[in-house]
Amino acid sequence: MKLRNLFWFATGASISYHLVKNRHEMKSDVQETGQLVKGIQENLAKIQHNLDIIQEQKANLNELVNDFQYKAKLFSQQATASLKEIQAIWQTNQND
């Protein structure tokens, strides 16, 4: 029983020694990790904001596309009507 207690004491002492010995490195690692986490959270918030803007602009773009398609259809109809008129005038001038 005493040997087991001695083993655990030695193990605990060794771990404590290594923790104290490397405390500055561990502290800087923890601080660096904290800064990285903060940076990641800020980037995530920026990305989320940009996604919201993109979704909003997507709706605006869809409206513009629908408007453009409607205007293109009207232009095509007007161009066809004008072309028929021109062809009719051309044919009447050719027959005279």
Protein backbone atom coordinates (compact mmCIF):
# COMPACT_ATOMS: atom_id res chain seq x y z
CA MET A 1 0.00 0.00 0.00
CA LYS A 2 2.83 2.40 0.80
CA LEU A 3 4.48 1.75 -2.56
CA ARG A 4 1.29 2.68 -4.39
CA ASN A 5 0.98 5.92 -2.43
CA LEU A 6 4.62 6.69 -3.14
CA PHE A 7 4.07 6.06 -6.85
CA TRP A 8 1.04 8.42 -6.99
CA PHE A 9 2.90 11.07 -5.01
CA ALA A 10 5.88 10.87 -7.37
CA THR A 11 3.60 11.02 -10.42
CA GLY A 12 1.73 14.04 -9.02
CA ALA A 13 4.99 15.76 -8.14
CA SER A 14 6.38 15.13 -11.62
CA ILE A 15 3.25 16.48 -13.29
CA SER A 16 3.27 19.55 -11.02
CA TYR A 17 6.94 20.16 -11.78
CA HIS A 18 6.37 20.01 -15.54
CA LEU A 19 3.34 22.28 -15.27
CA VAL A 20 5.28 24.87 -13.29
CA LYS A 21 8.31 24.53 -15.57
CA ASN A 22 6.24 25.11 -18.73
CA ARG A 23 3.75 27.59 -17.26
CA HIS A 24 4.89 30.54 -19.44
CA GLU A 25 4.61 28.53 -22.64
CA MET A 26 1.24 27.15 -21.61
CA LYS A 27 0.00 30.61 -20.65
CA SER A 28 1.02 32.06 -24.02
CA ASP A 29 -0.61 29.10 -25.80
CA VAL A 30 -3.87 29.68 -23.92
CA GLN A 31 -3.78 33.41 -24.74
CA GLU A 32 -3.02 32.71 -28.40
CA THR A 33 -5.86 30.21 -28.57
CA GLY A 34 -8.21 32.76 -27.01
CA GLN A 35 -7.22 35.35 -29.59
CA LEU A 36 -7.74 32.85 -32.40
CA VAL A 37 -11.19 31.95 -31.09
CA LYS A 38 -12.10 35.64 -30.86
CA GLY A 39 -10.86 36.22 -34.43
CA ILE A 40 -12.84 33.24 -35.69
CA GLN A 41 -16.00 34.52 -34.00
CA GLU A 42 -15.52 37.97 -35.56
CA ASN A 43 -14.98 36.44 -38.99
CA LEU A 44 -18.08 34.29 -38.56
CA ALA A 45 -20.13 37.39 -37.71
CA LYS A 46 -18.78 39.18 -40.81
CA ILE A 47 -19.55 36.19 -43.01
CA GLN A 48 -23.09 35.99 -41.61
CA HIS A 49 -23.59 39.71 -42.28
CA ASN A 50 -22.31 39.32 -45.84
CA LEU A 51 -24.64 36.36 -46.41
CA ASP A 52 -27.57 38.49 -45.27
CA ILE A 53 -26.56 41.21 -47.74
CA ILE A 54 -26.23 38.65 -50.53
CA GLN A 55 -29.69 37.24 -49.80
CA GLU A 56 -31.15 40.76 -49.86
CA GLN A 57 -29.41 41.56 -53.14
CA LYS A 58 -30.54 38.25 -54.61
CA ALA A 59 -34.16 39.31 -54.15
CA ASN A 60 -33.41 42.67 -55.80
CA LEU A 61 -31.62 40.92 -58.65
CA ASN A 62 -34.58 38.60 -59.21
CA GLU A 63 -36.86 41.63 -59.49
CA LEU A 64 -34.51 43.23 -62.01
CA VAL A 65 -34.34 40.03 -64.06
CA ASN A 66 -38.13 39.78 -64.17
CA ASP A 67 -38.38 43.43 -65.19
CA PHE A 68 -35.74 42.97 -67.88
CA GLN A 69 -37.50 39.88 -69.26
CA TYR A 70 -40.79 41.79 -69.41
CA LYS A 71 -39.16 44.75 -71.19
CA ALA A 72 -37.33 42.44 -73.60
CA LYS A 73 -40.63 40.74 -74.44
CA LEU A 74 -42.29 44.12 -75.06
CA PHE A 75 -39.38 45.26 -77.20
CA SER A 76 -39.54 42.07 -79.22
CA GLN A 77 -43.27 42.53 -79.82
CA GLN A 78 -42.81 46.17 -80.82
CA ALA A 79 -39.87 45.29 -83.08
CA THR A 80 -41.93 42.58 -84.78
CA ALA A 81 -44.82 44.99 -85.33
CA SER A 82 -42.50 47.69 -86.68
CA LEU A 83 -40.78 45.19 -88.97
CA LYS A 84 -44.16 44.09 -90.38
CA GLU A 85 -45.06 47.73 -91.04
CA ILE A 86 -41.73 48.33 -92.77
CA GLN A 87 -42.17 45.20 -94.87
CA ALA A 88 -45.69 46.27 -95.84
CA ILE A 89 -44.47 49.73 -96.84
CA TRP A 90 -41.53 48.22 -98.72
CA GLN A 91 -43.81 45.88 -100.62
CA THR A 92 -46.22 48.67 -101.55
CA ASN A 93 -43.28 50.76 -102.79
CA GLN A 94 -41.94 47.81 -104.76
CA ASN A 95 -45.31 47.23 -106.42
CA ASP A 96 -45.65 50.87 -107.50
